[in-house]
Amino acid sequence: QVQLVESGGGLVQPGGSLRLSCVASERIVGIYFMGWYRQAPGKERELVARIRSGGLSNYADSVKGRFTISRDSAKMTVHLQMNSLKPEDTAIYYCNLQLGSLDYWGQGTQVTVSS
């Protein structure tokens, strides 16, 4: 059972930056996706950004140009650099590892953007 541990959430003012990190407990061999989803109160969980084991990434339209996902495959770590944060980015951010038909989730980290 792969475990995902997130870090880096917190409170930030609009226009500020945060960096989230997630590390997997095991090294994965093969094709997989690691990324970030978020869920705001009263809303469904949505994809923020993810990166494939080969390096290709994709982003939600709402974060393009502001967020950057990166990875260290040797350390099974993925980072999400979030710049120009907006109040609507406020949510619980969950790390996700998708391996074939299996989905693994972190416990979530709160990101609050408020003045």
PDB file of N, CA and C in Angstrom:
ATOM      1  N   GLN A   1       0.833  -1.180   0.000  1.00  0.00           N
ATOM      2  CA  GLN A   1       0.000   0.000   0.000  1.00  0.00           C
ATOM      3  C   GLN A   1       0.879   1.245   0.000  1.00  0.00           C
ATOM      4  N   VAL A   2       0.780   2.003  -1.056  1.00  0.00           N
ATOM      5  CA  VAL A   2       1.588   3.214  -1.165  1.00  0.00           C
ATOM      6  C   VAL A   2       0.978   4.311  -0.302  1.00  0.00           C
ATOM      7  N   GLN A   3       1.806   4.985   0.442  1.00  0.00           N
ATOM      8  CA  GLN A   3       1.352   6.119   1.248  1.00  0.00           C
ATOM      9  C   GLN A   3       1.928   7.408   0.668  1.00  0.00           C
ATOM     10  N   LEU A   4       1.106   8.442   0.704  1.00  0.00           N
ATOM     11  CA  LEU A   4       1.495   9.756   0.203  1.00  0.00           C
ATOM     12  C   LEU A   4       1.455  10.741   1.359  1.00  0.00           C
ATOM     13  N   VAL A   5       2.522  11.485   1.520  1.00  0.00           N
ATOM     14  CA  VAL A   5       2.595  12.461   2.607  1.00  0.00           C
ATOM     15  C   VAL A   5       2.807  13.847   2.008  1.00  0.00           C
ATOM     16  N   GLU A   6       1.884  14.747   2.329  1.00  0.00           N
ATOM     17  CA  GLU A   6       1.917  16.103   1.787  1.00  0.00           C
ATOM     18  C   GLU A   6       2.458  17.077   2.821  1.00  0.00           C
ATOM     19  N   SER A   7       2.958  18.184   2.317  1.00  0.00           N
ATOM     20  CA  SER A   7       3.389  19.265   3.198  1.00  0.00           C
ATOM     21  C   SER A   7       3.327  20.570   2.419  1.00  0.00           C
ATOM     22  N   GLY A   8       3.287  21.681   3.165  1.00  0.00           N
ATOM     23  CA  GLY A   8       3.420  22.985   2.532  1.00  0.00           C
ATOM     24  C   GLY A   8       2.183  23.846   2.475  1.00  0.00           C
ATOM     25  N   GLY A   9       1.058  23.388   2.950  1.00  0.00           N
ATOM     26  CA  GLY A   9      -0.126  24.228   2.920  1.00  0.00           C
ATOM     27  C   GLY A   9      -0.048  25.339   3.955  1.00  0.00           C
ATOM     28  N   GLY A  10      -1.054  26.200   3.949  1.00  0.00           N
ATOM     29  CA  GLY A  10      -1.083  27.277   4.928  1.00  0.00           C
ATOM     30  C   GLY A  10      -1.951  28.429   4.492  1.00  0.00           C
ATOM     31  N   LEU A  11      -1.772  29.534   5.181  1.00  0.00           N
ATOM     32  CA  LEU A  11      -2.525  30.766   4.919  1.00  0.00           C
ATOM     33  C   LEU A  11      -1.625  31.757   4.189  1.00  0.00           C
ATOM     34  N   VAL A  12      -2.153  32.327   3.128  1.00  0.00           N
ATOM     35  CA  VAL A  12      -1.372  33.288   2.351  1.00  0.00           C
ATOM     36  C   VAL A  12      -2.302  34.383   1.850  1.00  0.00           C
ATOM     37  N   GLN A  13      -1.767  35.559   1.662  1.00  0.00           N
ATOM     38  CA  GLN A  13      -2.569  36.667   1.145  1.00  0.00           C
ATOM     39  C   GLN A  13      -2.727  36.551  -0.374  1.00  0.00           C
ATOM     40  N   PRO A  14      -3.773  37.135  -0.910  1.00  0.00           N
ATOM     41  CA  PRO A  14      -3.929  37.141  -2.371  1.00  0.00           C
ATOM     42  C   PRO A  14      -2.688  37.708  -3.051  1.00  0.00           C
ATOM     43  N   GLY A  15      -2.289  37.040  -4.121  1.00  0.00           N
ATOM     44  CA  GLY A  15      -1.073  37.430  -4.829  1.00  0.00           C
ATOM     45  C   GLY A  15       0.173  36.739  -4.327  1.00  0.00           C
ATOM     46  N   GLY A  16       0.058  36.044  -3.217  1.00  0.00           N
ATOM     47  CA  GLY A  16       1.200  35.363  -2.640  1.00  0.00           C
ATOM     48  C   GLY A  16       1.476  34.011  -3.268  1.00  0.00           C
ATOM     49  N   SER A  17       2.452  33.319  -2.684  1.00  0.00           N
ATOM     50  CA  SER A  17       2.893  32.030  -3.212  1.00  0.00           C
ATOM     51  C   SER A  17       2.980  30.989  -2.110  1.00  0.00           C
ATOM     52  N   LEU A  18       2.784  29.754  -2.523  1.00  0.00           N
ATOM     53  CA  LEU A  18       2.992  28.598  -1.651  1.00  0.00           C
ATOM     54  C   LEU A  18       3.569  27.473  -2.496  1.00  0.00           C
ATOM     55  N   ARG A  19       4.271  26.586  -1.827  1.00  0.00           N
ATOM     56  CA  ARG A  19       4.808  25.402  -2.509  1.00  0.00           C
ATOM     57  C   ARG A  19       4.378  24.172  -1.736  1.00  0.00           C
ATOM     58  N   LEU A  20       3.671  23.294  -2.430  1.00  0.00           N
ATOM     59  CA  LEU A  20       3.255  22.030  -1.850  1.00  0.00           C
ATOM     60  C   LEU A  20       4.204  20.930  -2.292  1.00  0.00           C
ATOM     61  N   SER A  21       4.419  19.981  -1.397  1.00  0.00           N
ATOM     62  CA  SER A  21       5.248  18.831  -1.721  1.00  0.00           C
ATOM     63  C   SER A  21       4.542  17.557  -1.309  1.00  0.00           C
ATOM     64  N   CYS A  22       4.840  16.502  -2.032  1.00  0.00           N
ATOM     65  CA  CYS A  22       4.248  15.202  -1.741  1.00  0.00           C
ATOM     66  C   CYS A  22       5.294  14.132  -2.026  1.00  0.00           C
ATOM     67  N   VAL A  23       5.465  13.225  -1.085  1.00  0.00           N
ATOM     68  CA  VAL A  23       6.411  12.135  -1.275  1.00  0.00           C
ATOM     69  C   VAL A  23       5.687  10.811  -1.117  1.00  0.00           C
ATOM     70  N   ALA A  24       5.978   9.903  -2.014  1.00  0.00           N
ATOM     71  CA  ALA A  24       5.406   8.560  -1.954  1.00  0.00           C
ATOM     72  C   ALA A  24       6.330   7.634  -1.173  1.00  0.00           C
ATOM     73  N   SER A  25       5.713   6.663  -0.504  1.00  0.00           N
ATOM     74  CA  SER A  25       6.485   5.785   0.385  1.00  0.00           C
ATOM     75  C   SER A  25       7.277   4.723  -0.361  1.00  0.00           C
ATOM     76  N   GLU A  26       6.931   4.519  -1.639  1.00  0.00           N
ATOM     77  CA  GLU A  26       7.618   3.504  -2.422  1.00  0.00           C
ATOM     78  C   GLU A  26       8.015   4.080  -3.773  1.00  0.00           C
ATOM     79  N   ARG A  27       9.067   3.536  -4.317  1.00  0.00           N
ATOM     80  CA  ARG A  27       9.434   3.914  -5.668  1.00  0.00           C
ATOM     81  C   ARG A  27       8.610   3.073  -6.642  1.00  0.00           C
ATOM     82  N   ILE A  28       8.009   3.758  -7.600  1.00  0.00           N
ATOM     83  CA  ILE A  28       7.139   3.108  -8.568  1.00  0.00           C
ATOM     84  C   ILE A  28       7.891   2.919  -9.878  1.00  0.00           C
ATOM     85  N   VAL A  29       7.811   1.729 -10.411  1.00  0.00           N
ATOM     86  CA  VAL A  29       8.421   1.451 -11.708  1.00  0.00           C
ATOM     87  C   VAL A  29       7.300   1.306 -12.728  1.00  0.00           C
ATOM     88  N   GLY A  30       7.457   1.977 -13.846  1.00  0.00           N
ATOM     89  CA  GLY A  30       6.431   1.898 -14.871  1.00  0.00           C
ATOM     90  C   GLY A  30       5.739   3.231 -15.072  1.00  0.00           C
ATOM     91  N   ILE A  31       4.621   3.172 -15.739  1.00  0.00           N
ATOM     92  CA  ILE A  31       3.890   4.394 -16.076  1.00  0.00           C
ATOM     93  C   ILE A  31       2.929   4.753 -14.938  1.00  0.00           C
ATOM     94  N   TYR A  32       3.002   5.966 -14.500  1.00  0.00           N
ATOM     95  CA  TYR A  32       2.113   6.431 -13.446  1.00  0.00           C
ATOM     96  C   TYR A  32       1.937   7.936 -13.582  1.00  0.00           C
ATOM     97  N   PHE A  33       0.946   8.441 -12.913  1.00  0.00           N
ATOM     98  CA  PHE A  33       0.707   9.879 -12.806  1.00  0.00           C
ATOM     99  C   PHE A  33       0.780  10.264 -11.331  1.00  0.00           C
ATOM    100  N   MET A  34       1.443  11.361 -11.058  1.00  0.00           N
ATOM    101  CA  MET A  34       1.371  11.974  -9.726  1.00  0.00           C
ATOM    102  C   MET A  34       0.890  13.393  -9.900  1.00  0.00           C
ATOM    103  N   GLY A  35       0.064  13.819  -8.984  1.00  0.00           N
ATOM    104  CA  GLY A  35      -0.435  15.176  -9.135  1.00  0.00           C
ATOM    105  C   GLY A  35      -1.227  15.648  -7.947  1.00  0.00           C
ATOM    106  N   TRP A  36      -1.940  16.731  -8.203  1.00  0.00           N
ATOM    107  CA  TRP A  36      -2.683  17.400  -7.145  1.00  0.00           C
ATOM    108  C   TRP A  36      -4.130  17.638  -7.581  1.00  0.00           C
ATOM    109  N   TYR A  37      -5.017  17.348  -6.660  1.00  0.00           N
ATOM    110  CA  TYR A  37      -6.422  17.685  -6.795  1.00  0.00           C
ATOM    111  C   TYR A  37      -6.768  18.613  -5.636  1.00  0.00           C
ATOM    112  N   ARG A  38      -7.880  19.298  -5.783  1.00  0.00           N
ATOM    113  CA  ARG A  38      -8.337  20.137  -4.684  1.00  0.00           C
ATOM    114  C   ARG A  38      -9.847  20.061  -4.549  1.00  0.00           C
ATOM    115  N   GLN A  39     -10.293  20.340  -3.332  1.00  0.00           N
ATOM    116  CA  GLN A  39     -11.727  20.338  -3.069  1.00  0.00           C
ATOM    117  C   GLN A  39     -12.054  21.508  -2.161  1.00  0.00           C
ATOM    118  N   ALA A  40     -12.868  22.402  -2.682  1.00  0.00           N
ATOM    119  CA  ALA A  40     -13.342  23.546  -1.910  1.00  0.00           C
ATOM    120  C   ALA A  40     -14.668  23.183  -1.251  1.00  0.00           C
ATOM    121  N   PRO A  41     -15.038  23.871  -0.184  1.00  0.00           N
ATOM    122  CA  PRO A  41     -16.303  23.559   0.498  1.00  0.00           C
ATOM    123  C   PRO A  41     -17.487  23.627  -0.454  1.00  0.00           C
ATOM    124  N   GLY A  42     -18.280  22.572  -0.440  1.00  0.00           N
ATOM    125  CA  GLY A  42     -19.476  22.534  -1.274  1.00  0.00           C
ATOM    126  C   GLY A  42     -19.224  22.230  -2.732  1.00  0.00           C
ATOM    127  N   LYS A  43     -17.991  21.926  -3.075  1.00  0.00           N
ATOM    128  CA  LYS A  43     -17.659  21.645  -4.477  1.00  0.00           C
ATOM    129  C   LYS A  43     -17.052  20.260  -4.608  1.00  0.00           C
ATOM    130  N   GLU A  44     -17.052  19.774  -5.832  1.00  0.00           N
ATOM    131  CA  GLU A  44     -16.455  18.474  -6.092  1.00  0.00           C
ATOM    132  C   GLU A  44     -14.932  18.601  -6.177  1.00  0.00           C
ATOM    133  N   ARG A  45     -14.285  17.472  -5.940  1.00  0.00           N
ATOM    134  CA  ARG A  45     -12.840  17.444  -6.073  1.00  0.00           C
ATOM    135  C   ARG A  45     -12.478  17.610  -7.547  1.00  0.00           C
ATOM    136  N   GLU A  46     -11.463  18.427  -7.810  1.00  0.00           N
ATOM    137  CA  GLU A  46     -11.085  18.693  -9.185  1.00  0.00           C
ATOM    138  C   GLU A  46      -9.575  18.567  -9.353  1.00  0.00           C
ATOM    139  N   LEU A  47      -9.183  18.211 -10.569  1.00  0.00           N
ATOM    140  CA  LEU A  47      -7.768  18.132 -10.902  1.00  0.00           C
ATOM    141  C   LEU A  47      -7.175  19.533 -10.960  1.00  0.00           C
ATOM    142  N   VAL A  48      -6.004  19.682 -10.337  1.00  0.00           N
ATOM    143  CA  VAL A  48      -5.266  20.939 -10.425  1.00  0.00           C
ATOM    144  C   VAL A  48      -4.138  20.784 -11.449  1.00  0.00           C
ATOM    145  N   ALA A  49      -3.306  19.791 -11.233  1.00  0.00           N
ATOM    146  CA  ALA A  49      -2.191  19.535 -12.142  1.00  0.00           C
ATOM    147  C   ALA A  49      -1.681  18.133 -11.889  1.00  0.00           C
ATOM    148  N   ARG A  50      -1.145  17.510 -12.924  1.00  0.00           N
ATOM    149  CA  ARG A  50      -0.544  16.212 -12.744  1.00  0.00           C
ATOM    150  C   ARG A  50       0.589  16.059 -13.736  1.00  0.00           C
ATOM    151  N   ILE A  51       1.477  15.132 -13.406  1.00  0.00           N
ATOM    152  CA  ILE A  51       2.641  14.897 -14.245  1.00  0.00           C
ATOM    153  C   ILE A  51       2.820  13.403 -14.417  1.00  0.00           C
ATOM    154  N   ARG A  52       3.087  13.024 -15.642  1.00  0.00           N
ATOM    155  CA  ARG A  52       3.252  11.616 -15.974  1.00  0.00           C
ATOM    156  C   ARG A  52       4.683  11.200 -15.644  1.00  0.00           C
ATOM    157  N   SER A  53       4.868   9.909 -15.484  1.00  0.00           N
ATOM    158  CA  SER A  53       6.188   9.399 -15.152  1.00  0.00           C
ATOM    159  C   SER A  53       7.222   9.801 -16.199  1.00  0.00           C
ATOM    160  N   GLY A  54       6.774   9.959 -17.454  1.00  0.00           N
ATOM    161  CA  GLY A  54       7.700  10.371 -18.501  1.00  0.00           C
ATOM    162  C   GLY A  54       7.976  11.864 -18.515  1.00  0.00           C
ATOM    163  N   GLY A  55       7.214  12.621 -17.727  1.00  0.00           N
ATOM    164  CA  GLY A  55       7.484  14.050 -17.609  1.00  0.00           C
ATOM    165  C   GLY A  55       6.437  14.975 -18.157  1.00  0.00           C
ATOM    166  N   LEU A  56       5.496  14.473 -18.957  1.00  0.00           N
ATOM    167  CA  LEU A  56       4.452  15.345 -19.488  1.00  0.00           C
ATOM    168  C   LEU A  56       3.499  15.757 -18.373  1.00  0.00           C
ATOM    169  N   SER A  57       3.052  16.995 -18.441  1.00  0.00           N
ATOM    170  CA  SER A  57       2.172  17.514 -17.404  1.00  0.00           C
ATOM    171  C   SER A  57       0.945  18.168 -18.024  1.00  0.00           C
ATOM    172  N   ASN A  58      -0.097  18.254 -17.227  1.00  0.00           N
ATOM    173  CA  ASN A  58      -1.268  19.007 -17.650  1.00  0.00           C
ATOM    174  C   ASN A  58      -1.865  19.730 -16.450  1.00  0.00           C
ATOM    175  N   TYR A  59      -2.567  20.813 -16.755  1.00  0.00           N
ATOM    176  CA  TYR A  59      -3.081  21.710 -15.726  1.00  0.00           C
ATOM    177  C   TYR A  59      -4.552  22.026 -15.961  1.00  0.00           C
ATOM    178  N   ALA A  60      -5.232  22.345 -14.879  1.00  0.00           N
ATOM    179  CA  ALA A  60      -6.575  22.903 -15.007  1.00  0.00           C
ATOM    180  C   ALA A  60      -6.439  24.297 -15.626  1.00  0.00           C
ATOM    181  N   ASP A  61      -7.409  24.682 -16.422  1.00  0.00           N
ATOM    182  CA  ASP A  61      -7.362  25.999 -17.061  1.00  0.00           C
ATOM    183  C   ASP A  61      -7.247  27.117 -16.030  1.00  0.00           C
ATOM    184  N   SER A  62      -7.867  26.924 -14.897  1.00  0.00           N
ATOM    185  CA  SER A  62      -7.918  27.980 -13.881  1.00  0.00           C
ATOM    186  C   SER A  62      -6.567  28.276 -13.242  1.00  0.00           C
ATOM    187  N   VAL A  63      -5.600  27.376 -13.418  1.00  0.00           N
ATOM    188  CA  VAL A  63      -4.290  27.574 -12.776  1.00  0.00           C
ATOM    189  C   VAL A  63      -3.152  27.729 -13.777  1.00  0.00           C
ATOM    190  N   LYS A  64      -3.439  27.569 -15.048  1.00  0.00           N
ATOM    191  CA  LYS A  64      -2.391  27.692 -16.061  1.00  0.00           C
ATOM    192  C   LYS A  64      -1.731  29.056 -15.983  1.00  0.00           C
ATOM    193  N   GLY A  65      -0.406  29.037 -16.043  1.00  0.00           N
ATOM    194  CA  GLY A  65       0.345  30.284 -15.973  1.00  0.00           C
ATOM    195  C   GLY A  65       0.645  30.734 -14.561  1.00  0.00           C
ATOM    196  N   ARG A  66      -0.006  30.122 -13.590  1.00  0.00           N
ATOM    197  CA  ARG A  66       0.231  30.501 -12.185  1.00  0.00           C
ATOM    198  C   ARG A  66       0.862  29.369 -11.373  1.00  0.00           C
ATOM    199  N   PHE A  67       0.481  28.145 -11.676  1.00  0.00           N
ATOM    200  CA  PHE A  67       0.978  26.986 -10.946  1.00  0.00           C
ATOM    201  C   PHE A  67       1.937  26.193 -11.827  1.00  0.00           C
ATOM    202  N   THR A  68       2.932  25.585 -11.174  1.00  0.00           N
ATOM    203  CA  THR A  68       3.879  24.738 -11.889  1.00  0.00           C
ATOM    204  C   THR A  68       4.090  23.457 -11.107  1.00  0.00           C
ATOM    205  N   ILE A  69       3.912  22.341 -11.787  1.00  0.00           N
ATOM    206  CA  ILE A  69       4.157  21.049 -11.154  1.00  0.00           C
ATOM    207  C   ILE A  69       5.519  20.541 -11.602  1.00  0.00           C
ATOM    208  N   SER A  70       6.232  19.941 -10.660  1.00  0.00           N
ATOM    209  CA  SER A  70       7.537  19.367 -10.980  1.00  0.00           C
ATOM    210  C   SER A  70       7.718  18.095 -10.166  1.00  0.00           C
ATOM    211  N   ARG A  71       8.714  17.323 -10.528  1.00  0.00           N
ATOM    212  CA  ARG A  71       8.901  16.051  -9.840  1.00  0.00           C
ATOM    213  C   ARG A  71      10.366  15.706  -9.710  1.00  0.00           C
ATOM    214  N   ASP A  72      10.633  14.859  -8.741  1.00  0.00           N
ATOM    215  CA  ASP A  72      11.936  14.219  -8.599  1.00  0.00           C
ATOM    216  C   ASP A  72      11.622  12.730  -8.585  1.00  0.00           C
ATOM    217  N   SER A  73      11.746  12.098  -9.737  1.00  0.00           N
ATOM    218  CA  SER A  73      11.315  10.708  -9.856  1.00  0.00           C
ATOM    219  C   SER A  73      12.147   9.775  -8.993  1.00  0.00           C
ATOM    220  N   ALA A  74      13.409  10.084  -8.796  1.00  0.00           N
ATOM    221  CA  ALA A  74      14.257   9.222  -7.969  1.00  0.00           C
ATOM    222  C   ALA A  74      13.788   9.216  -6.520  1.00  0.00           C
ATOM    223  N   LYS A  75      13.237  10.350  -6.084  1.00  0.00           N
ATOM    224  CA  LYS A  75      12.754  10.466  -4.705  1.00  0.00           C
ATOM    225  C   LYS A  75      11.253  10.294  -4.607  1.00  0.00           C
ATOM    226  N   MET A  76      10.606  10.005  -5.737  1.00  0.00           N
ATOM    227  CA  MET A  76       9.153   9.845  -5.772  1.00  0.00           C
ATOM    228  C   MET A  76       8.469  11.040  -5.105  1.00  0.00           C
ATOM    229  N   THR A  77       8.913  12.217  -5.475  1.00  0.00           N
ATOM    230  CA  THR A  77       8.390  13.457  -4.909  1.00  0.00           C
ATOM    231  C   THR A  77       7.834  14.324  -6.022  1.00  0.00           C
ATOM    232  N   VAL A  78       6.730  14.963  -5.716  1.00  0.00           N
ATOM    233  CA  VAL A  78       6.150  15.916  -6.654  1.00  0.00           C
ATOM    234  C   VAL A  78       5.887  17.219  -5.899  1.00  0.00           C
ATOM    235  N   HIS A  79       6.130  18.319  -6.590  1.00  0.00           N
ATOM    236  CA  HIS A  79       5.937  19.640  -5.995  1.00  0.00           C
ATOM    237  C   HIS A  79       4.926  20.433  -6.816  1.00  0.00           C
ATOM    238  N   LEU A  80       4.240  21.309  -6.141  1.00  0.00           N
ATOM    239  CA  LEU A  80       3.338  22.229  -6.827  1.00  0.00           C
ATOM    240  C   LEU A  80       3.683  23.641  -6.367  1.00  0.00           C
ATOM    241  N   GLN A  81       4.276  24.403  -7.247  1.00  0.00           N
ATOM    242  CA  GLN A  81       4.576  25.805  -6.964  1.00  0.00           C
ATOM    243  C   GLN A  81       3.375  26.634  -7.375  1.00  0.00           C
ATOM    244  N   MET A  82       2.799  27.336  -6.418  1.00  0.00           N
ATOM    245  CA  MET A  82       1.588  28.109  -6.663  1.00  0.00           C
ATOM    246  C   MET A  82       1.906  29.580  -6.486  1.00  0.00           C
ATOM    247  N   ASN A  83       1.798  30.323  -7.557  1.00  0.00           N
ATOM    248  CA  ASN A  83       2.052  31.765  -7.541  1.00  0.00           C
ATOM    249  C   ASN A  83       0.768  32.526  -7.857  1.00  0.00           C
ATOM    250  N   SER A  84       0.777  33.801  -7.549  1.00  0.00           N
ATOM    251  CA  SER A  84      -0.367  34.676  -7.832  1.00  0.00           C
ATOM    252  C   SER A  84      -1.661  34.058  -7.320  1.00  0.00           C
ATOM    253  N   LEU A  85      -1.613  33.614  -6.096  1.00  0.00           N
ATOM    254  CA  LEU A  85      -2.775  32.916  -5.532  1.00  0.00           C
ATOM    255  C   LEU A  85      -3.965  33.844  -5.391  1.00  0.00           C
ATOM    256  N   LYS A  86      -5.133  33.257  -5.584  1.00  0.00           N
ATOM    257  CA  LYS A  86      -6.399  33.980  -5.517  1.00  0.00           C
ATOM    258  C   LYS A  86      -7.276  33.364  -4.427  1.00  0.00           C
ATOM    259  N   PRO A  87      -8.219  34.118  -3.907  1.00  0.00           N
ATOM    260  CA  PRO A  87      -9.120  33.549  -2.899  1.00  0.00           C
ATOM    261  C   PRO A  87      -9.833  32.282  -3.390  1.00  0.00           C
ATOM    262  N   GLU A  88     -10.123  32.223  -4.673  1.00  0.00           N
ATOM    263  CA  GLU A  88     -10.808  31.034  -5.200  1.00  0.00           C
ATOM    264  C   GLU A  88      -9.910  29.806  -5.269  1.00  0.00           C
ATOM    265  N   ASP A  89      -8.628  29.960  -4.960  1.00  0.00           N
ATOM    266  CA  ASP A  89      -7.750  28.805  -4.854  1.00  0.00           C
ATOM    267  C   ASP A  89      -7.852  28.134  -3.490  1.00  0.00           C
ATOM    268  N   THR A  90      -8.585  28.747  -2.587  1.00  0.00           N
ATOM    269  CA  THR A  90      -8.760  28.180  -1.255  1.00  0.00           C
ATOM    270  C   THR A  90      -9.443  26.817  -1.339  1.00  0.00           C
ATOM    271  N   ALA A  91      -8.806  25.805  -0.748  1.00  0.00           N
ATOM    272  CA  ALA A  91      -9.329  24.440  -0.813  1.00  0.00           C
ATOM    273  C   ALA A  91      -8.406  23.528  -0.016  1.00  0.00           C
ATOM    274  N   ILE A  92      -8.847  22.300   0.136  1.00  0.00           N
ATOM    275  CA  ILE A  92      -7.944  21.252   0.605  1.00  0.00           C
ATOM    276  C   ILE A  92      -7.306  20.638  -0.638  1.00  0.00           C
ATOM    277  N   TYR A  93      -5.997  20.571  -0.625  1.00  0.00           N
ATOM    278  CA  TYR A  93      -5.248  20.028  -1.752  1.00  0.00           C
ATOM    279  C   TYR A  93      -4.790  18.617  -1.408  1.00  0.00           C
ATOM    280  N   TYR A  94      -5.089  17.704  -2.324  1.00  0.00           N
ATOM    281  CA  TYR A  94      -4.775  16.303  -2.125  1.00  0.00           C
ATOM    282  C   TYR A  94      -3.747  15.839  -3.147  1.00  0.00           C
ATOM    283  N   CYS A  95      -2.748  15.170  -2.666  1.00  0.00           N
ATOM    284  CA  CYS A  95      -1.798  14.524  -3.559  1.00  0.00           C
ATOM    285  C   CYS A  95      -2.402  13.218  -4.057  1.00  0.00           C
ATOM    286  N   ASN A  96      -2.145  12.894  -5.308  1.00  0.00           N
ATOM    287  CA  ASN A  96      -2.698  11.687  -5.916  1.00  0.00           C
ATOM    288  C   ASN A  96      -1.629  10.944  -6.696  1.00  0.00           C
ATOM    289  N   LEU A  97      -1.673   9.636  -6.569  1.00  0.00           N
ATOM    290  CA  LEU A  97      -0.836   8.760  -7.393  1.00  0.00           C
ATOM    291  C   LEU A  97      -1.770   7.804  -8.122  1.00  0.00           C
ATOM    292  N   GLN A  98      -1.701   7.851  -9.428  1.00  0.00           N
ATOM    293  CA  GLN A  98      -2.525   6.967 -10.243  1.00  0.00           C
ATOM    294  C   GLN A  98      -1.617   5.951 -10.915  1.00  0.00           C
ATOM    295  N   LEU A  99      -1.845   4.693 -10.588  1.00  0.00           N
ATOM    296  CA  LEU A  99      -1.026   3.605 -11.107  1.00  0.00           C
ATOM    297  C   LEU A  99      -1.969   2.577 -11.702  1.00  0.00           C
ATOM    298  N   GLY A 100      -2.087   2.597 -13.015  1.00  0.00           N
ATOM    299  CA  GLY A 100      -3.060   1.731 -13.654  1.00  0.00           C
ATOM    300  C   GLY A 100      -4.460   2.072 -13.186  1.00  0.00           C
ATOM    301  N   SER A 101      -5.163   1.088 -12.667  1.00  0.00           N
ATOM    302  CA  SER A 101      -6.523   1.314 -12.168  1.00  0.00           C
ATOM    303  C   SER A 101      -6.547   1.687 -10.691  1.00  0.00           C
ATOM    304  N   LEU A 102      -5.401   1.832 -10.096  1.00  0.00           N
ATOM    305  CA  LEU A 102      -5.325   2.132  -8.664  1.00  0.00           C
ATOM    306  C   LEU A 102      -5.088   3.613  -8.443  1.00  0.00           C
ATOM    307  N   ASP A 103      -5.794   4.142  -7.457  1.00  0.00           N
ATOM    308  CA  ASP A 103      -5.640   5.531  -7.052  1.00  0.00           C
ATOM    309  C   ASP A 103      -5.222   5.577  -5.589  1.00  0.00           C
ATOM    310  N   TYR A 104      -4.170   6.315  -5.301  1.00  0.00           N
ATOM    311  CA  TYR A 104      -3.743   6.518  -3.932  1.00  0.00           C
ATOM    312  C   TYR A 104      -3.852   8.009  -3.626  1.00  0.00           C
ATOM    313  N   TRP A 105      -4.244   8.303  -2.380  1.00  0.00           N
ATOM    314  CA  TRP A 105      -4.478   9.690  -1.979  1.00  0.00           C
ATOM    315  C   TRP A 105      -3.733  10.025  -0.695  1.00  0.00           C
ATOM    316  N   GLY A 106      -3.274  11.255  -0.642  1.00  0.00           N
ATOM    317  CA  GLY A 106      -2.741  11.769   0.594  1.00  0.00           C
ATOM    318  C   GLY A 106      -3.860  12.219   1.515  1.00  0.00           C
ATOM    319  N   GLN A 107      -3.488  12.684   2.686  1.00  0.00           N
ATOM    320  CA  GLN A 107      -4.486  13.064   3.686  1.00  0.00           C
ATOM    321  C   GLN A 107      -5.049  14.459   3.424  1.00  0.00           C
ATOM    322  N   GLY A 108      -4.402  15.216   2.581  1.00  0.00           N
ATOM    323  CA  GLY A 108      -4.870  16.564   2.248  1.00  0.00           C
ATOM    324  C   GLY A 108      -4.171  17.625   3.073  1.00  0.00           C
ATOM    325  N   THR A 109      -3.971  18.772   2.445  1.00  0.00           N
ATOM    326  CA  THR A 109      -3.383  19.913   3.149  1.00  0.00           C
ATOM    327  C   THR A 109      -4.185  21.161   2.796  1.00  0.00           C
ATOM    328  N   GLN A 110      -4.488  21.949   3.806  1.00  0.00           N
ATOM    329  CA  GLN A 110      -5.339  23.113   3.607  1.00  0.00           C
ATOM    330  C   GLN A 110      -4.544  24.284   3.045  1.00  0.00           C
ATOM    331  N   VAL A 111      -5.088  24.882   2.001  1.00  0.00           N
ATOM    332  CA  VAL A 111      -4.547  26.128   1.453  1.00  0.00           C
ATOM    333  C   VAL A 111      -5.642  27.180   1.564  1.00  0.00           C
ATOM    334  N   THR A 112      -5.335  28.263   2.257  1.00  0.00           N
ATOM    335  CA  THR A 112      -6.294  29.349   2.431  1.00  0.00           C
ATOM    336  C   THR A 112      -5.681  30.637   1.908  1.00  0.00           C
ATOM    337  N   VAL A 113      -6.388  31.263   0.976  1.00  0.00           N
ATOM    338  CA  VAL A 113      -5.924  32.526   0.397  1.00  0.00           C
ATOM    339  C   VAL A 113      -6.885  33.608   0.857  1.00  0.00           C
ATOM    340  N   SER A 114      -6.404  34.472   1.728  1.00  0.00           N
ATOM    341  CA  SER A 114      -7.283  35.478   2.321  1.00  0.00           C
ATOM    342  C   SER A 114      -6.442  36.641   2.838  1.00  0.00           C
ATOM    343  N   SER A 115      -7.033  37.821   2.785  1.00  0.00           N
ATOM    344  CA  SER A 115      -6.372  38.998   3.351  1.00  0.00           C
ATOM    345  C   SER A 115      -6.812  39.228   4.783  1.00  0.00           C
TER     346      SER A 115
END
